[in-house]
Amino acid sequence: EKVQNELDFRRARKNAVNITLDENCKHPSLIIEEKNRVKSSTQEEILPKAVVVATEGFSEKKHYWEVEVGDKSEW
């Protein structure tokens, strides 16, 4: 199972795309860093509806992005 998960991860990573997040279309509790990273501006838990929008679309049917959740066990 561990090997299969690694293979699935590598296969998904082939669909990586560059994004640019829109500073004008984000939840007020979010901070955009380096145009493609987002983090909370507070230590408090952010509502599930806290979103940020990218300024460009995707041309392919498959997409991949990585999410870092810090020391949290889930997001």
N, C-alpha and C. Protein backbone atom coordinates (compact mmCIF):
# COMPACT_ATOMS: atom_id res chain seq x y z
N GLU A 1 0.82 -1.19 0.00
CA GLU A 1 0.00 0.00 0.00
C GLU A 1 0.88 1.27 0.00
N LYS A 2 1.96 1.24 0.77
CA LYS A 2 2.85 2.40 0.84
C LYS A 2 3.50 2.67 -0.52
N VAL A 3 3.90 1.60 -1.21
CA VAL A 3 4.51 1.74 -2.54
C VAL A 3 3.48 2.28 -3.53
N GLN A 4 2.25 1.78 -3.46
CA GLN A 4 1.20 2.25 -4.35
C GLN A 4 0.90 3.73 -4.13
N ASN A 5 0.87 4.15 -2.86
CA ASN A 5 0.64 5.56 -2.54
C ASN A 5 1.75 6.44 -3.12
N GLU A 6 2.99 5.99 -3.04
CA GLU A 6 4.12 6.74 -3.60
C GLU A 6 4.00 6.83 -5.11
N LEU A 7 3.63 5.74 -5.77
CA LEU A 7 3.45 5.77 -7.22
C LEU A 7 2.31 6.71 -7.62
N ASP A 8 1.21 6.69 -6.87
CA ASP A 8 0.09 7.59 -7.14
C ASP A 8 0.52 9.04 -6.98
N PHE A 9 1.31 9.33 -5.94
CA PHE A 9 1.79 10.67 -5.70
C PHE A 9 2.68 11.14 -6.86
N ARG A 10 3.59 10.31 -7.29
CA ARG A 10 4.48 10.68 -8.40
C ARG A 10 3.69 10.88 -9.69
N ARG A 11 2.69 10.06 -9.92
CA ARG A 11 1.86 10.19 -11.11
C ARG A 11 1.09 11.51 -11.07
N ALA A 12 0.54 11.85 -9.92
CA ALA A 12 -0.21 13.10 -9.77
C ALA A 12 0.70 14.30 -9.96
N ARG A 13 1.93 14.21 -9.49
CA ARG A 13 2.86 15.34 -9.56
C ARG A 13 3.20 15.72 -11.01
N LYS A 14 3.01 14.81 -11.93
CA LYS A 14 3.26 15.12 -13.34
C LYS A 14 2.27 16.17 -13.85
N ASN A 15 1.16 16.36 -13.14
CA ASN A 15 0.15 17.34 -13.53
C ASN A 15 0.33 18.69 -12.86
N ALA A 16 1.50 18.94 -12.29
CA ALA A 16 1.76 20.20 -11.60
C ALA A 16 1.63 21.37 -12.56
N VAL A 17 1.05 22.46 -12.07
CA VAL A 17 0.89 23.68 -12.85
C VAL A 17 1.32 24.87 -12.00
N ASN A 18 1.79 25.92 -12.63
CA ASN A 18 2.11 27.15 -11.93
C ASN A 18 0.85 27.98 -11.81
N ILE A 19 0.65 28.58 -10.65
CA ILE A 19 -0.50 29.45 -10.45
C ILE A 19 -0.03 30.79 -9.89
N THR A 20 -0.84 31.80 -10.10
CA THR A 20 -0.64 33.10 -9.48
C THR A 20 -1.94 33.45 -8.77
N LEU A 21 -1.85 33.66 -7.46
CA LEU A 21 -3.04 33.95 -6.68
C LEU A 21 -3.36 35.44 -6.73
N ASP A 22 -4.64 35.76 -6.75
CA ASP A 22 -5.11 37.13 -6.89
C ASP A 22 -5.29 37.77 -5.51
N GLU A 23 -4.48 38.76 -5.22
CA GLU A 23 -4.53 39.47 -3.94
C GLU A 23 -5.90 40.11 -3.69
N ASN A 24 -6.59 40.48 -4.76
CA ASN A 24 -7.88 41.15 -4.63
C ASN A 24 -9.05 40.18 -4.45
N CYS A 25 -8.81 38.90 -4.62
CA CYS A 25 -9.89 37.90 -4.52
C CYS A 25 -9.52 36.83 -3.50
N LYS A 26 -9.39 37.24 -2.25
CA LYS A 26 -9.05 36.30 -1.19
C LYS A 26 -9.82 36.65 0.08
N HIS A 27 -9.94 35.68 0.95
CA HIS A 27 -10.56 35.89 2.25
C HIS A 27 -9.68 36.85 3.05
N PRO A 28 -10.28 37.77 3.83
CA PRO A 28 -9.49 38.76 4.59
C PRO A 28 -8.51 38.15 5.60
N SER A 29 -8.73 36.91 6.02
CA SER A 29 -7.84 36.27 6.99
C SER A 29 -6.68 35.53 6.34
N LEU A 30 -6.54 35.67 5.03
CA LEU A 30 -5.46 34.99 4.31
C LEU A 30 -4.43 35.99 3.83
N ILE A 31 -3.18 35.54 3.78
CA ILE A 31 -2.07 36.33 3.27
C ILE A 31 -1.46 35.57 2.11
N ILE A 32 -1.23 36.25 0.99
CA ILE A 32 -0.58 35.63 -0.17
C ILE A 32 0.90 35.96 -0.11
N GLU A 33 1.73 34.94 -0.25
CA GLU A 33 3.18 35.10 -0.26
C GLU A 33 3.72 34.59 -1.60
N GLU A 34 4.66 35.30 -2.16
CA GLU A 34 5.33 34.89 -3.39
C GLU A 34 4.37 34.60 -4.54
N LYS A 35 3.21 35.17 -4.54
CA LYS A 35 2.17 35.05 -5.58
C LYS A 35 1.57 33.67 -5.71
N ASN A 36 2.14 32.64 -5.04
CA ASN A 36 1.57 31.30 -5.19
C ASN A 36 1.48 30.53 -3.87
N ARG A 37 1.65 31.21 -2.76
CA ARG A 37 1.52 30.58 -1.45
C ARG A 37 0.54 31.39 -0.62
N VAL A 38 -0.24 30.71 0.18
CA VAL A 38 -1.22 31.40 1.02
C VAL A 38 -1.11 30.85 2.44
N LYS A 39 -1.27 31.74 3.41
CA LYS A 39 -1.26 31.32 4.81
C LYS A 39 -2.24 32.17 5.60
N SER A 40 -2.54 31.73 6.80
CA SER A 40 -3.47 32.45 7.67
C SER A 40 -2.77 33.67 8.26
N SER A 41 -3.50 34.76 8.38
CA SER A 41 -2.95 35.96 9.00
C SER A 41 -3.13 35.93 10.52
N THR A 42 -3.83 34.93 11.03
CA THR A 42 -4.08 34.81 12.46
C THR A 42 -3.70 33.41 12.93
N GLN A 43 -3.63 33.24 14.21
CA GLN A 43 -3.38 31.91 14.78
C GLN A 43 -4.68 31.13 14.94
N GLU A 44 -5.79 31.82 14.74
CA GLU A 44 -7.09 31.18 14.89
C GLU A 44 -7.39 30.30 13.68
N GLU A 45 -8.26 29.32 13.90
CA GLU A 45 -8.69 28.45 12.80
C GLU A 45 -9.52 29.24 11.81
N ILE A 46 -9.24 29.09 10.54
CA ILE A 46 -9.98 29.80 9.49
C ILE A 46 -11.19 28.97 9.08
N LEU A 47 -12.27 29.66 8.79
CA LEU A 47 -13.48 28.99 8.35
C LEU A 47 -13.23 28.18 7.08
N PRO A 48 -13.95 27.08 6.88
CA PRO A 48 -13.77 26.27 5.67
C PRO A 48 -14.03 27.05 4.37
N LYS A 49 -14.77 28.15 4.45
CA LYS A 49 -15.09 28.90 3.24
C LYS A 49 -14.05 29.98 2.93
N ALA A 50 -12.92 29.98 3.63
CA ALA A 50 -11.87 30.95 3.34
C ALA A 50 -11.19 30.52 2.04
N VAL A 51 -11.36 31.31 0.99
CA VAL A 51 -10.83 30.94 -0.32
C VAL A 51 -9.94 32.04 -0.88
N VAL A 52 -9.17 31.65 -1.87
CA VAL A 52 -8.38 32.58 -2.66
C VAL A 52 -8.49 32.13 -4.11
N VAL A 53 -8.53 33.08 -5.03
CA VAL A 53 -8.74 32.77 -6.44
C VAL A 53 -7.45 33.02 -7.21
N ALA A 54 -7.18 32.17 -8.19
CA ALA A 54 -6.02 32.37 -9.06
C ALA A 54 -6.38 33.33 -10.18
N THR A 55 -5.40 34.01 -10.72
CA THR A 55 -5.65 34.99 -11.78
C THR A 55 -5.60 34.37 -13.17
N GLU A 56 -5.36 33.08 -13.25
CA GLU A 56 -5.30 32.42 -14.56
C GLU A 56 -6.02 31.09 -14.48
N GLY A 57 -6.44 30.57 -15.60
CA GLY A 57 -7.14 29.29 -15.64
C GLY A 57 -6.21 28.15 -15.99
N PHE A 58 -6.76 26.96 -16.05
CA PHE A 58 -6.02 25.77 -16.42
C PHE A 58 -6.43 25.35 -17.81
N SER A 59 -5.48 24.90 -18.60
CA SER A 59 -5.82 24.47 -19.95
C SER A 59 -5.96 22.95 -20.06
N GLU A 60 -5.47 22.21 -19.09
CA GLU A 60 -5.56 20.76 -19.12
C GLU A 60 -6.69 20.28 -18.20
N LYS A 61 -7.05 19.01 -18.33
CA LYS A 61 -8.14 18.45 -17.52
C LYS A 61 -7.66 17.99 -16.14
N LYS A 62 -6.37 17.72 -15.98
CA LYS A 62 -5.84 17.26 -14.70
C LYS A 62 -4.96 18.34 -14.11
N HIS A 63 -5.02 18.48 -12.77
CA HIS A 63 -4.23 19.49 -12.08
C HIS A 63 -3.66 18.89 -10.81
N TYR A 64 -2.60 19.47 -10.33
CA TYR A 64 -1.96 19.01 -9.11
C TYR A 64 -1.43 20.22 -8.37
N TRP A 65 -1.58 20.25 -7.05
CA TRP A 65 -0.94 21.27 -6.23
C TRP A 65 -0.65 20.66 -4.88
N GLU A 66 0.35 21.18 -4.22
CA GLU A 66 0.73 20.69 -2.90
C GLU A 66 0.20 21.63 -1.84
N VAL A 67 -0.19 21.05 -0.72
CA VAL A 67 -0.71 21.82 0.40
C VAL A 67 0.09 21.47 1.63
N GLU A 68 0.67 22.47 2.28
CA GLU A 68 1.35 22.27 3.54
C GLU A 68 0.41 22.69 4.67
N VAL A 69 0.22 21.83 5.65
CA VAL A 69 -0.69 22.15 6.73
C VAL A 69 0.07 22.41 8.03
N GLY A 70 1.37 22.56 7.96
CA GLY A 70 2.16 22.84 9.15
C GLY A 70 2.12 21.69 10.12
N ASP A 71 1.92 21.98 11.40
CA ASP A 71 1.91 20.92 12.41
C ASP A 71 0.52 20.37 12.67
N LYS A 72 -0.44 20.70 11.80
CA LYS A 72 -1.80 20.19 11.94
C LYS A 72 -1.88 18.77 11.38
N SER A 73 -2.77 17.96 11.95
CA SER A 73 -2.91 16.58 11.47
C SER A 73 -3.85 16.48 10.28
N GLU A 74 -4.66 17.53 10.05
CA GLU A 74 -5.57 17.53 8.90
C GLU A 74 -5.92 18.97 8.57
N TRP A 75 -6.56 19.18 7.41
CA TRP A 75 -6.94 20.53 6.99
C TRP A 75 -8.34 20.55 6.46
